PDB file of N, CA and C in Angstrom:
ATOM      1  N   MET A   1      11.420 -50.910 -36.108  1.00  0.00           N
ATOM      2  CA  MET A   1      10.924 -49.896 -35.264  1.00  0.00           C
ATOM      3  C   MET A   1      11.981 -49.537 -34.285  1.00  0.00           C
ATOM      4  N   CYS A   2      12.176 -48.253 -34.019  1.00  0.00           N
ATOM      5  CA  CYS A   2      13.343 -47.853 -33.184  1.00  0.00           C
ATOM      6  C   CYS A   2      12.763 -47.519 -31.762  1.00  0.00           C
ATOM      7  N   ARG A   3      13.467 -48.011 -30.685  1.00  0.00           N
ATOM      8  CA  ARG A   3      13.002 -47.831 -29.343  1.00  0.00           C
ATOM      9  C   ARG A   3      13.783 -46.735 -28.717  1.00  0.00           C
ATOM     10  N   ARG A   4      13.100 -45.966 -27.863  1.00  0.00           N
ATOM     11  CA  ARG A   4      13.803 -44.883 -27.109  1.00  0.00           C
ATOM     12  C   ARG A   4      14.198 -45.442 -25.728  1.00  0.00           C
ATOM     13  N   ASN A   5      15.289 -44.922 -25.236  1.00  0.00           N
ATOM     14  CA  ASN A   5      15.816 -45.333 -23.980  1.00  0.00           C
ATOM     15  C   ASN A   5      15.321 -44.384 -22.797  1.00  0.00           C
ATOM     16  N   GLY A   6      14.423 -43.449 -23.084  1.00  0.00           N
ATOM     17  CA  GLY A   6      13.981 -42.634 -22.045  1.00  0.00           C
ATOM     18  C   GLY A   6      14.778 -41.354 -21.924  1.00  0.00           C
ATOM     19  N   GLY A   7      15.714 -41.043 -22.711  1.00  0.00           N
ATOM     20  CA  GLY A   7      16.497 -39.805 -22.718  1.00  0.00           C
ATOM     21  C   GLY A   7      15.875 -38.650 -23.505  1.00  0.00           C
ATOM     22  N   LEU A   8      16.425 -37.431 -23.332  1.00  0.00           N
ATOM     23  CA  LEU A   8      15.969 -36.351 -24.106  1.00  0.00           C
ATOM     24  C   LEU A   8      16.842 -36.252 -25.320  1.00  0.00           C
ATOM     25  N   THR A   9      16.073 -35.803 -26.469  1.00  0.00           N
ATOM     26  CA  THR A   9      16.937 -35.549 -27.665  1.00  0.00           C
ATOM     27  C   THR A   9      17.479 -34.183 -27.612  1.00  0.00           C
ATOM     28  N   LEU A  10      18.381 -33.937 -28.531  1.00  0.00           N
ATOM     29  CA  LEU A  10      19.013 -32.580 -28.521  1.00  0.00           C
ATOM     30  C   LEU A  10      17.937 -31.524 -28.860  1.00  0.00           C
ATOM     31  N   ILE A  11      16.980 -31.662 -29.673  1.00  0.00           N
ATOM     32  CA  ILE A  11      16.044 -30.728 -30.054  1.00  0.00           C
ATOM     33  C   ILE A  11      15.123 -30.399 -28.740  1.00  0.00           C
ATOM     34  N   GLU A  12      14.741 -31.547 -28.069  1.00  0.00           N
ATOM     35  CA  GLU A  12      13.935 -31.295 -26.814  1.00  0.00           C
ATOM     36  C   GLU A  12      14.748 -30.529 -25.822  1.00  0.00           C
ATOM     37  N   LEU A  13      15.983 -30.713 -25.665  1.00  0.00           N
ATOM     38  CA  LEU A  13      16.847 -29.997 -24.645  1.00  0.00           C
ATOM     39  C   LEU A  13      16.959 -28.567 -25.171  1.00  0.00           C
ATOM     40  N   LEU A  14      17.112 -28.262 -26.395  1.00  0.00           N
ATOM     41  CA  LEU A  14      17.193 -26.849 -26.887  1.00  0.00           C
ATOM     42  C   LEU A  14      15.890 -26.119 -26.693  1.00  0.00           C
ATOM     43  N   VAL A  15      14.764 -26.822 -26.834  1.00  0.00           N
ATOM     44  CA  VAL A  15      13.418 -26.213 -26.610  1.00  0.00           C
ATOM     45  C   VAL A  15      13.267 -25.887 -25.093  1.00  0.00           C
ATOM     46  N   VAL A  16      13.611 -26.791 -24.258  1.00  0.00           N
ATOM     47  CA  VAL A  16      13.562 -26.562 -22.775  1.00  0.00           C
ATOM     48  C   VAL A  16      14.496 -25.311 -22.392  1.00  0.00           C
ATOM     49  N   LEU A  17      15.699 -25.292 -22.966  1.00  0.00           N
ATOM     50  CA  LEU A  17      16.591 -24.200 -22.631  1.00  0.00           C
ATOM     51  C   LEU A  17      16.042 -22.794 -23.163  1.00  0.00           C
ATOM     52  N   LEU A  18      15.397 -22.921 -24.319  1.00  0.00           N
ATOM     53  CA  LEU A  18      14.754 -21.671 -24.915  1.00  0.00           C
ATOM     54  C   LEU A  18      13.602 -21.172 -24.065  1.00  0.00           C
ATOM     55  N   VAL A  19      12.781 -22.069 -23.550  1.00  0.00           N
ATOM     56  CA  VAL A  19      11.717 -21.706 -22.703  1.00  0.00           C
ATOM     57  C   VAL A  19      12.285 -21.094 -21.361  1.00  0.00           C
ATOM     58  N   ILE A  20      13.245 -21.700 -20.750  1.00  0.00           N
ATOM     59  CA  ILE A  20      13.858 -21.142 -19.513  1.00  0.00           C
ATOM     60  C   ILE A  20      14.440 -19.814 -19.711  1.00  0.00           C
ATOM     61  N   LEU A  21      15.207 -19.680 -20.756  1.00  0.00           N
ATOM     62  CA  LEU A  21      15.774 -18.380 -21.092  1.00  0.00           C
ATOM     63  C   LEU A  21      14.726 -17.287 -21.334  1.00  0.00           C
ATOM     64  N   THR A  22      13.642 -17.583 -22.036  1.00  0.00           N
ATOM     65  CA  THR A  22      12.586 -16.704 -22.222  1.00  0.00           C
ATOM     66  C   THR A  22      11.927 -16.163 -20.951  1.00  0.00           C
ATOM     67  N   LEU A  23      11.680 -17.237 -20.125  1.00  0.00           N
ATOM     68  CA  LEU A  23      11.127 -16.868 -18.792  1.00  0.00           C
ATOM     69  C   LEU A  23      12.072 -16.010 -17.942  1.00  0.00           C
ATOM     70  N   ALA A  24      13.407 -16.296 -18.064  1.00  0.00           N
ATOM     71  CA  ALA A  24      14.412 -15.495 -17.328  1.00  0.00           C
ATOM     72  C   ALA A  24      14.386 -14.038 -17.893  1.00  0.00           C
ATOM     73  N   LEU A  25      14.376 -13.903 -19.122  1.00  0.00           N
ATOM     74  CA  LEU A  25      14.260 -12.481 -19.726  1.00  0.00           C
ATOM     75  C   LEU A  25      13.146 -11.709 -19.343  1.00  0.00           C
ATOM     76  N   ILE A  26      12.063 -12.397 -19.094  1.00  0.00           N
ATOM     77  CA  ILE A  26      10.837 -11.683 -18.683  1.00  0.00           C
ATOM     78  C   ILE A  26      10.893 -11.351 -17.280  1.00  0.00           C
ATOM     79  N   ALA A  27      11.459 -12.321 -16.386  1.00  0.00           N
ATOM     80  CA  ALA A  27      11.364 -12.065 -14.981  1.00  0.00           C
ATOM     81  C   ALA A  27      12.566 -11.206 -14.348  1.00  0.00           C
ATOM     82  N   ILE A  28      13.700 -11.244 -14.977  1.00  0.00           N
ATOM     83  CA  ILE A  28      14.851 -10.575 -14.403  1.00  0.00           C
ATOM     84  C   ILE A  28      14.821  -9.029 -14.449  1.00  0.00           C
ATOM     85  N   PRO A  29      14.446  -8.353 -15.527  1.00  0.00           N
ATOM     86  CA  PRO A  29      14.521  -6.891 -15.595  1.00  0.00           C
ATOM     87  C   PRO A  29      13.781  -6.137 -14.496  1.00  0.00           C
ATOM     88  N   PRO A  30      12.619  -6.633 -14.012  1.00  0.00           N
ATOM     89  CA  PRO A  30      12.080  -5.836 -12.954  1.00  0.00           C
ATOM     90  C   PRO A  30      12.915  -5.781 -11.622  1.00  0.00           C
ATOM     91  N   PHE A  31      13.712  -6.807 -11.441  1.00  0.00           N
ATOM     92  CA  PHE A  31      14.565  -6.997 -10.224  1.00  0.00           C
ATOM     93  C   PHE A  31      15.843  -6.159 -10.373  1.00  0.00           C
ATOM     94  N   LEU A  32      16.255  -5.869 -11.603  1.00  0.00           N
ATOM     95  CA  LEU A  32      17.505  -5.113 -11.871  1.00  0.00           C
ATOM     96  C   LEU A  32      17.398  -3.683 -11.379  1.00  0.00           C
ATOM     97  N   ASN A  33      16.232  -3.058 -11.490  1.00  0.00           N
ATOM     98  CA  ASN A  33      16.065  -1.727 -11.141  1.00  0.00           C
ATOM     99  C   ASN A  33      15.491  -1.544  -9.652  1.00  0.00           C
ATOM    100  N   ALA A  34      15.426  -2.597  -8.894  1.00  0.00           N
ATOM    101  CA  ALA A  34      14.843  -2.588  -7.553  1.00  0.00           C
ATOM    102  C   ALA A  34      15.700  -1.652  -6.706  1.00  0.00           C
ATOM    103  N   ARG A  35      17.053  -1.769  -6.776  1.00  0.00           N
ATOM    104  CA  ARG A  35      17.927  -0.894  -5.903  1.00  0.00           C
ATOM    105  C   ARG A  35      17.685   0.581  -6.351  1.00  0.00           C
ATOM    106  N   LEU A  36      17.643   0.882  -7.532  1.00  0.00           N
ATOM    107  CA  LEU A  36      17.446   2.244  -8.020  1.00  0.00           C
ATOM    108  C   LEU A  36      16.103   2.772  -7.454  1.00  0.00           C
ATOM    109  N   ARG A  37      15.051   2.005  -7.604  1.00  0.00           N
ATOM    110  CA  ARG A  37      13.777   2.344  -7.023  1.00  0.00           C
ATOM    111  C   ARG A  37      13.778   2.575  -5.493  1.00  0.00           C
ATOM    112  N   ALA A  38      14.570   1.674  -4.845  1.00  0.00           N
ATOM    113  CA  ALA A  38      14.609   1.814  -3.375  1.00  0.00           C
ATOM    114  C   ALA A  38      15.439   3.160  -3.011  1.00  0.00           C
ATOM    115  N   ASP A  39      16.424   3.531  -3.824  1.00  0.00           N
ATOM    116  CA  ASP A  39      17.161   4.724  -3.584  1.00  0.00           C
ATOM    117  C   ASP A  39      16.401   5.957  -3.830  1.00  0.00           C
ATOM    118  N   VAL A  40      15.559   5.915  -4.826  1.00  0.00           N
ATOM    119  CA  VAL A  40      14.665   7.040  -5.118  1.00  0.00           C
ATOM    120  C   VAL A  40      13.632   7.186  -3.999  1.00  0.00           C
ATOM    121  N   ALA A  41      13.062   6.118  -3.543  1.00  0.00           N
ATOM    122  CA  ALA A  41      12.138   6.234  -2.431  1.00  0.00           C
ATOM    123  C   ALA A  41      12.757   6.832  -1.139  1.00  0.00           C
ATOM    124  N   ARG A  42      13.985   6.343  -0.960  1.00  0.00           N
ATOM    125  CA  ARG A  42      14.660   6.890   0.274  1.00  0.00           C
ATOM    126  C   ARG A  42      15.017   8.368   0.167  1.00  0.00           C
ATOM    127  N   VAL A  43      15.395   8.804  -1.125  1.00  0.00           N
ATOM    128  CA  VAL A  43      15.645  10.221  -1.278  1.00  0.00           C
ATOM    129  C   VAL A  43      14.398  11.038  -1.087  1.00  0.00           C
ATOM    130  N   ASN A  44      13.253  10.507  -1.582  1.00  0.00           N
ATOM    131  CA  ASN A  44      12.004  11.201  -1.341  1.00  0.00           C
ATOM    132  C   ASN A  44      11.704  11.349   0.103  1.00  0.00           C
ATOM    133  N   GLN A  45      11.911  10.325   0.911  1.00  0.00           N
ATOM    134  CA  GLN A  45      11.749  10.357   2.313  1.00  0.00           C
ATOM    135  C   GLN A  45      12.701  11.392   2.935  1.00  0.00           C
ATOM    136  N   ASP A  46      13.966  11.390   2.558  1.00  0.00           N
ATOM    137  CA  ASP A  46      14.914  12.299   3.065  1.00  0.00           C
ATOM    138  C   ASP A  46      14.502  13.764   2.779  1.00  0.00           C
ATOM    139  N   LEU A  47      13.946  13.994   1.596  1.00  0.00           N
ATOM    140  CA  LEU A  47      13.507  15.339   1.213  1.00  0.00           C
ATOM    141  C   LEU A  47      12.343  15.799   2.009  1.00  0.00           C
ATOM    142  N   GLN A  48      11.422  14.887   2.392  1.00  0.00           N
ATOM    143  CA  GLN A  48      10.255  15.278   3.239  1.00  0.00           C
ATOM    144  C   GLN A  48      10.789  15.545   4.589  1.00  0.00           C
ATOM    145  N   TYR A  49      11.792  14.776   5.148  1.00  0.00           N
ATOM    146  CA  TYR A  49      12.373  15.040   6.423  1.00  0.00           C
ATOM    147  C   TYR A  49      13.048  16.360   6.498  1.00  0.00           C
ATOM    148  N   LEU A  50      13.813  16.738   5.365  1.00  0.00           N
ATOM    149  CA  LEU A  50      14.474  18.097   5.402  1.00  0.00           C
ATOM    150  C   LEU A  50      13.479  19.182   5.310  1.00  0.00           C
ATOM    151  N   GLU A  51      12.368  18.944   4.503  1.00  0.00           N
ATOM    152  CA  GLU A  51      11.380  19.918   4.385  1.00  0.00           C
ATOM    153  C   GLU A  51      10.685  20.299   5.686  1.00  0.00           C
ATOM    154  N   SER A  52      10.396  19.241   6.437  1.00  0.00           N
ATOM    155  CA  SER A  52       9.682  19.435   7.802  1.00  0.00           C
ATOM    156  C   SER A  52      10.757  20.102   8.670  1.00  0.00           C
ATOM    157  N   ALA A  53      11.996  19.799   8.628  1.00  0.00           N
ATOM    158  CA  ALA A  53      12.972  20.462   9.573  1.00  0.00           C
ATOM    159  C   ALA A  53      13.139  21.915   9.226  1.00  0.00           C
ATOM    160  N   ILE A  54      13.150  22.242   7.953  1.00  0.00           N
ATOM    161  CA  ILE A  54      13.242  23.578   7.570  1.00  0.00           C
ATOM    162  C   ILE A  54      12.021  24.455   7.929  1.00  0.00           C
ATOM    163  N   GLU A  55      10.809  23.821   7.822  1.00  0.00           N
ATOM    164  CA  GLU A  55       9.617  24.556   8.345  1.00  0.00           C
ATOM    165  C   GLU A  55       9.637  24.722   9.810  1.00  0.00           C
ATOM    166  N   PHE A  56      10.107  23.702  10.538  1.00  0.00           N
ATOM    167  CA  PHE A  56      10.134  23.870  12.058  1.00  0.00           C
ATOM    168  C   PHE A  56      11.135  24.890  12.382  1.00  0.00           C
ATOM    169  N   TYR A  57      12.246  25.012  11.709  1.00  0.00           N
ATOM    170  CA  TYR A  57      13.199  26.126  11.806  1.00  0.00           C
ATOM    171  C   TYR A  57      12.568  27.481  11.615  1.00  0.00           C
ATOM    172  N   TYR A  58      11.798  27.559  10.547  1.00  0.00           N
ATOM    173  CA  TYR A  58      11.172  28.791  10.129  1.00  0.00           C
ATOM    174  C   TYR A  58      10.066  29.195  11.242  1.00  0.00           C
ATOM    175  N   LEU A  59       9.426  28.244  11.721  1.00  0.00           N
ATOM    176  CA  LEU A  59       8.385  28.568  12.886  1.00  0.00           C
ATOM    177  C   LEU A  59       9.088  29.132  14.075  1.00  0.00           C
ATOM    178  N   ASP A  60      10.295  28.615  14.315  1.00  0.00           N
ATOM    179  CA  ASP A  60      11.067  29.200  15.521  1.00  0.00           C
ATOM    180  C   ASP A  60      11.773  30.407  15.340  1.00  0.00           C
ATOM    181  N   HIS A  61      12.270  30.598  14.173  1.00  0.00           N
ATOM    182  CA  HIS A  61      13.281  31.766  13.956  1.00  0.00           C
ATOM    183  C   HIS A  61      12.665  32.853  12.985  1.00  0.00           C
ATOM    184  N   LYS A  62      11.428  32.604  12.368  1.00  0.00           N
ATOM    185  CA  LYS A  62      10.785  33.488  11.486  1.00  0.00           C
ATOM    186  C   LYS A  62      11.666  33.758  10.205  1.00  0.00           C
ATOM    187  N   ARG A  63      12.618  32.940   9.938  1.00  0.00           N
ATOM    188  CA  ARG A  63      13.446  32.986   8.712  1.00  0.00           C
ATOM    189  C   ARG A  63      13.958  31.574   8.391  1.00  0.00           C
ATOM    190  N   TYR A  64      14.294  31.450   7.198  1.00  0.00           N
ATOM    191  CA  TYR A  64      14.836  30.159   6.682  1.00  0.00           C
ATOM    192  C   TYR A  64      16.343  30.098   7.144  1.00  0.00           C
ATOM    193  N   PRO A  65      16.751  28.785   7.368  1.00  0.00           N
ATOM    194  CA  PRO A  65      18.222  28.630   7.649  1.00  0.00           C
ATOM    195  C   PRO A  65      19.129  29.144   6.485  1.00  0.00           C
ATOM    196  N   GLU A  66      20.215  29.694   6.961  1.00  0.00           N
ATOM    197  CA  GLU A  66      21.190  30.123   5.938  1.00  0.00           C
ATOM    198  C   GLU A  66      22.042  28.970   5.403  1.00  0.00           C
ATOM    199  N   SER A  67      22.196  27.962   6.204  1.00  0.00           N
ATOM    200  CA  SER A  67      23.068  26.820   5.712  1.00  0.00           C
ATOM    201  C   SER A  67      22.457  25.548   6.454  1.00  0.00           C
ATOM    202  N   SER A  68      23.031  24.406   5.985  1.00  0.00           N
ATOM    203  CA  SER A  68      22.550  23.163   6.676  1.00  0.00           C
ATOM    204  C   SER A  68      23.001  23.073   8.089  1.00  0.00           C
ATOM    205  N   ASP A  69      24.108  23.756   8.456  1.00  0.00           N
ATOM    206  CA  ASP A  69      24.609  23.768   9.878  1.00  0.00           C
ATOM    207  C   ASP A  69      23.579  24.296  10.840  1.00  0.00           C
ATOM    208  N   ASP A  70      22.746  25.230  10.312  1.00  0.00           N
ATOM    209  CA  ASP A  70      21.659  25.800  11.228  1.00  0.00           C
ATOM    210  C   ASP A  70      20.600  24.759  11.508  1.00  0.00           C
ATOM    211  N   LEU A  71      20.422  23.730  10.728  1.00  0.00           N
ATOM    212  CA  LEU A  71      19.476  22.789  10.976  1.00  0.00           C
ATOM    213  C   LEU A  71      20.004  21.675  11.910  1.00  0.00           C
ATOM    214  N   VAL A  72      21.286  21.305  11.707  1.00  0.00           N
ATOM    215  CA  VAL A  72      21.869  20.228  12.580  1.00  0.00           C
ATOM    216  C   VAL A  72      22.003  20.742  14.061  1.00  0.00           C
ATOM    217  N   LEU A  73      22.535  21.946  14.199  1.00  0.00           N
ATOM    218  CA  LEU A  73      22.607  22.451  15.611  1.00  0.00           C
ATOM    219  C   LEU A  73      22.367  24.046  15.515  1.00  0.00           C
ATOM    220  N   SER A  74      21.198  24.410  16.074  1.00  0.00           N
ATOM    221  CA  SER A  74      20.758  25.814  16.019  1.00  0.00           C
ATOM    222  C   SER A  74      21.069  26.454  17.239  1.00  0.00           C
ATOM    223  N   GLN A  75      21.649  27.591  17.299  1.00  0.00           N
ATOM    224  CA  GLN A  75      21.872  28.432  18.407  1.00  0.00           C
ATOM    225  C   GLN A  75      20.856  29.547  18.435  1.00  0.00           C
ATOM    226  N   SER A  76      20.455  29.933  19.604  1.00  0.00           N
ATOM    227  CA  SER A  76      19.536  31.097  19.653  1.00  0.00           C
ATOM    228  C   SER A  76      20.293  32.344  19.488  1.00  0.00           C
ATOM    229  N   LYS A  77      19.702  33.224  18.558  1.00  0.00           N
ATOM    230  CA  LYS A  77      20.331  34.510  18.236  1.00  0.00           C
ATOM    231  C   LYS A  77      20.036  35.563  19.306  1.00  0.00           C
ATOM    232  N   SER A  78      18.946  35.410  20.125  1.00  0.00           N
ATOM    233  CA  SER A  78      18.580  36.431  21.069  1.00  0.00           C
ATOM    234  C   SER A  78      18.369  35.692  22.387  1.00  0.00           C
ATOM    235  N   GLY A  79      19.107  36.109  23.387  1.00  0.00           N
ATOM    236  CA  GLY A  79      18.950  35.522  24.759  1.00  0.00           C
ATOM    237  C   GLY A  79      18.933  36.661  25.760  1.00  0.00           C
ATOM    238  N   ASN A  80      18.347  37.818  25.339  1.00  0.00           N
ATOM    239  CA  ASN A  80      18.412  38.902  26.285  1.00  0.00           C
ATOM    240  C   ASN A  80      17.169  39.035  27.164  1.00  0.00           C
ATOM    241  N   GLY A  81      16.274  38.101  27.226  1.00  0.00           N
ATOM    242  CA  GLY A  81      15.160  38.158  28.123  1.00  0.00           C
ATOM    243  C   GLY A  81      13.876  38.441  27.473  1.00  0.00           C
ATOM    244  N   ASP A  82      13.915  38.708  26.078  1.00  0.00           N
ATOM    245  CA  ASP A  82      12.696  39.062  25.415  1.00  0.00           C
ATOM    246  C   ASP A  82      11.863  37.793  25.196  1.00  0.00           C
ATOM    247  N   SER A  83      10.629  37.888  24.762  1.00  0.00           N
ATOM    248  CA  SER A  83       9.780  36.718  24.643  1.00  0.00           C
ATOM    249  C   SER A  83      10.368  35.681  23.693  1.00  0.00           C
ATOM    250  N   GLU A  84      11.051  36.122  22.636  1.00  0.00           N
ATOM    251  CA  GLU A  84      11.643  35.065  21.787  1.00  0.00           C
ATOM    252  C   GLU A  84      12.724  34.334  22.426  1.00  0.00           C
ATOM    253  N   GLY A  85      13.575  35.092  23.185  1.00  0.00           N
ATOM    254  CA  GLY A  85      14.674  34.416  23.965  1.00  0.00           C
ATOM    255  C   GLY A  85      14.090  33.506  24.990  1.00  0.00           C
ATOM    256  N   LEU A  86      13.012  33.794  25.739  1.00  0.00           N
ATOM    257  CA  LEU A  86      12.480  32.960  26.704  1.00  0.00           C
ATOM    258  C   LEU A  86      11.765  31.683  26.003  1.00  0.00           C
ATOM    259  N   LEU A  87      11.319  31.879  24.904  1.00  0.00           N
ATOM    260  CA  LEU A  87      10.666  30.777  24.167  1.00  0.00           C
ATOM    261  C   LEU A  87      11.711  29.600  23.949  1.00  0.00           C
ATOM    262  N   ARG A  88      12.887  29.959  23.718  1.00  0.00           N
ATOM    263  CA  ARG A  88      13.944  28.901  23.452  1.00  0.00           C
ATOM    264  C   ARG A  88      14.832  28.655  24.582  1.00  0.00           C
ATOM    265  N   LEU A  89      14.343  28.298  25.722  1.00  0.00           N
ATOM    266  CA  LEU A  89      15.145  28.002  26.899  1.00  0.00           C
ATOM    267  C   LEU A  89      15.976  26.688  26.745  1.00  0.00           C
ATOM    268  N   THR A  90      15.595  25.841  25.766  1.00  0.00           N
ATOM    269  CA  THR A  90      16.266  24.629  25.564  1.00  0.00           C
ATOM    270  C   THR A  90      17.186  24.631  24.442  1.00  0.00           C
ATOM    271  N   THR A  91      17.710  25.753  24.074  1.00  0.00           N
ATOM    272  CA  THR A  91      18.640  25.848  23.027  1.00  0.00           C
ATOM    273  C   THR A  91      19.938  25.283  23.389  1.00  0.00           C
ATOM    274  N   PRO A  92      20.722  24.810  22.528  1.00  0.00           N
ATOM    275  CA  PRO A  92      20.549  24.730  21.134  1.00  0.00           C
ATOM    276  C   PRO A  92      19.604  23.682  20.721  1.00  0.00           C
ATOM    277  N   VAL A  93      18.896  23.854  19.662  1.00  0.00           N
ATOM    278  CA  VAL A  93      17.854  22.897  19.157  1.00  0.00           C
ATOM    279  C   VAL A  93      18.414  22.245  17.958  1.00  0.00           C
ATOM    280  N   LYS A  94      18.304  20.894  17.939  1.00  0.00           N
ATOM    281  CA  LYS A  94      18.627  20.139  16.769  1.00  0.00           C
ATOM    282  C   LYS A  94      17.302  19.827  15.990  1.00  0.00           C
ATOM    283  N   TYR A  95      17.267  20.365  14.838  1.00  0.00           N
ATOM    284  CA  TYR A  95      16.028  20.089  13.957  1.00  0.00           C
ATOM    285  C   TYR A  95      16.188  18.765  13.271  1.00  0.00           C
ATOM    286  N   ILE A  96      17.530  18.369  12.947  1.00  0.00           N
ATOM    287  CA  ILE A  96      17.713  17.024  12.306  1.00  0.00           C
ATOM    288  C   ILE A  96      18.988  16.494  13.028  1.00  0.00           C
ATOM    289  N   ASP A  97      19.121  15.247  13.211  1.00  0.00           N
ATOM    290  CA  ASP A  97      20.230  14.558  13.774  1.00  0.00           C
ATOM    291  C   ASP A  97      21.448  14.706  12.918  1.00  0.00           C
ATOM    292  N   HIS A  98      21.268  14.483  11.678  1.00  0.00           N
ATOM    293  CA  HIS A  98      22.340  14.453  10.744  1.00  0.00           C
ATOM    294  C   HIS A  98      21.806  14.726   9.313  1.00  0.00           C
ATOM    295  N   LEU A  99      22.712  15.168   8.374  1.00  0.00           N
ATOM    296  CA  LEU A  99      22.250  15.339   7.084  1.00  0.00           C
ATOM    297  C   LEU A  99      22.169  14.036   6.367  1.00  0.00           C
ATOM    298  N   PRO A 100      21.082  13.750   5.642  1.00  0.00           N
ATOM    299  CA  PRO A 100      20.992  12.404   4.871  1.00  0.00           C
ATOM    300  C   PRO A 100      22.115  12.310   3.878  1.00  0.00           C
ATOM    301  N   GLU A 101      22.546  11.108   3.693  1.00  0.00           N
ATOM    302  CA  GLU A 101      23.578  10.820   2.691  1.00  0.00           C
ATOM    303  C   GLU A 101      23.031  10.893   1.236  1.00  0.00           C
ATOM    304  N   ASP A 102      23.891  11.316   0.326  1.00  0.00           N
ATOM    305  CA  ASP A 102      23.629  11.352  -1.059  1.00  0.00           C
ATOM    306  C   ASP A 102      23.681   9.948  -1.604  1.00  0.00           C
ATOM    307  N   ARG A 103      22.608   9.349  -2.000  1.00  0.00           N
ATOM    308  CA  ARG A 103      22.600   7.903  -2.466  1.00  0.00           C
ATOM    309  C   ARG A 103      22.990   7.784  -3.990  1.00  0.00           C
ATOM    310  N   PHE A 104      23.097   8.878  -4.748  1.00  0.00           N
ATOM    311  CA  PHE A 104      23.392   8.785  -6.099  1.00  0.00           C
ATOM    312  C   PHE A 104      24.867   9.309  -6.393  1.00  0.00           C
ATOM    313  N   HIS A 105      25.528   9.866  -5.526  1.00  0.00           N
ATOM    314  CA  HIS A 105      27.018  10.215  -5.754  1.00  0.00           C
ATOM    315  C   HIS A 105      27.860   9.730  -4.611  1.00  0.00           C
ATOM    316  N   ASP A 106      28.926   9.241  -4.967  1.00  0.00           N
ATOM    317  CA  ASP A 106      29.973   8.791  -4.000  1.00  0.00           C
ATOM    318  C   ASP A 106      31.030   9.808  -4.035  1.00  0.00           C
ATOM    319  N   TRP A 107      30.995  10.841  -3.189  1.00  0.00           N
ATOM    320  CA  TRP A 107      31.894  11.961  -3.173  1.00  0.00           C
ATOM    321  C   TRP A 107      33.262  11.531  -2.887  1.00  0.00           C
ATOM    322  N   ARG A 108      33.475  10.418  -2.233  1.00  0.00           N
ATOM    323  CA  ARG A 108      34.792   9.961  -1.831  1.00  0.00           C
ATOM    324  C   ARG A 108      35.581   9.616  -3.079  1.00  0.00           C
ATOM    325  N   LEU A 109      34.935   9.284  -4.157  1.00  0.00           N
ATOM    326  CA  LEU A 109      35.625   8.957  -5.422  1.00  0.00           C
ATOM    327  C   LEU A 109      36.151  10.081  -6.185  1.00  0.00           C
ATOM    328  N   LEU A 110      35.675  11.258  -5.904  1.00  0.00           N
ATOM    329  CA  LEU A 110      36.032  12.484  -6.646  1.00  0.00           C
ATOM    330  C   LEU A 110      37.394  13.003  -6.067  1.00  0.00           C
TER     331      LEU A 110
END
């Protein structure tokens, strides 16, 4: 009769490694796309932020901004004492502090 000394055989070791690798293959893929999902969520928030800034600009000026510079720092077009000029006594108005960064392109590399 053969006695075991309490160690693992090569087959048992391979089975344990196979189980660990299988669990890793199941668990790792959801974490690989976590950054991409976070970037997509941030871009969606940035788009909502820009959308509300554009709508606030439209409410004040009765037109949409011609460029992104109009949103960052807006100057009043009329300051001659009419009702629209008096409405914007606190000009220039910043509708957004800064333009959100593009999370999917690194323009410095181009």
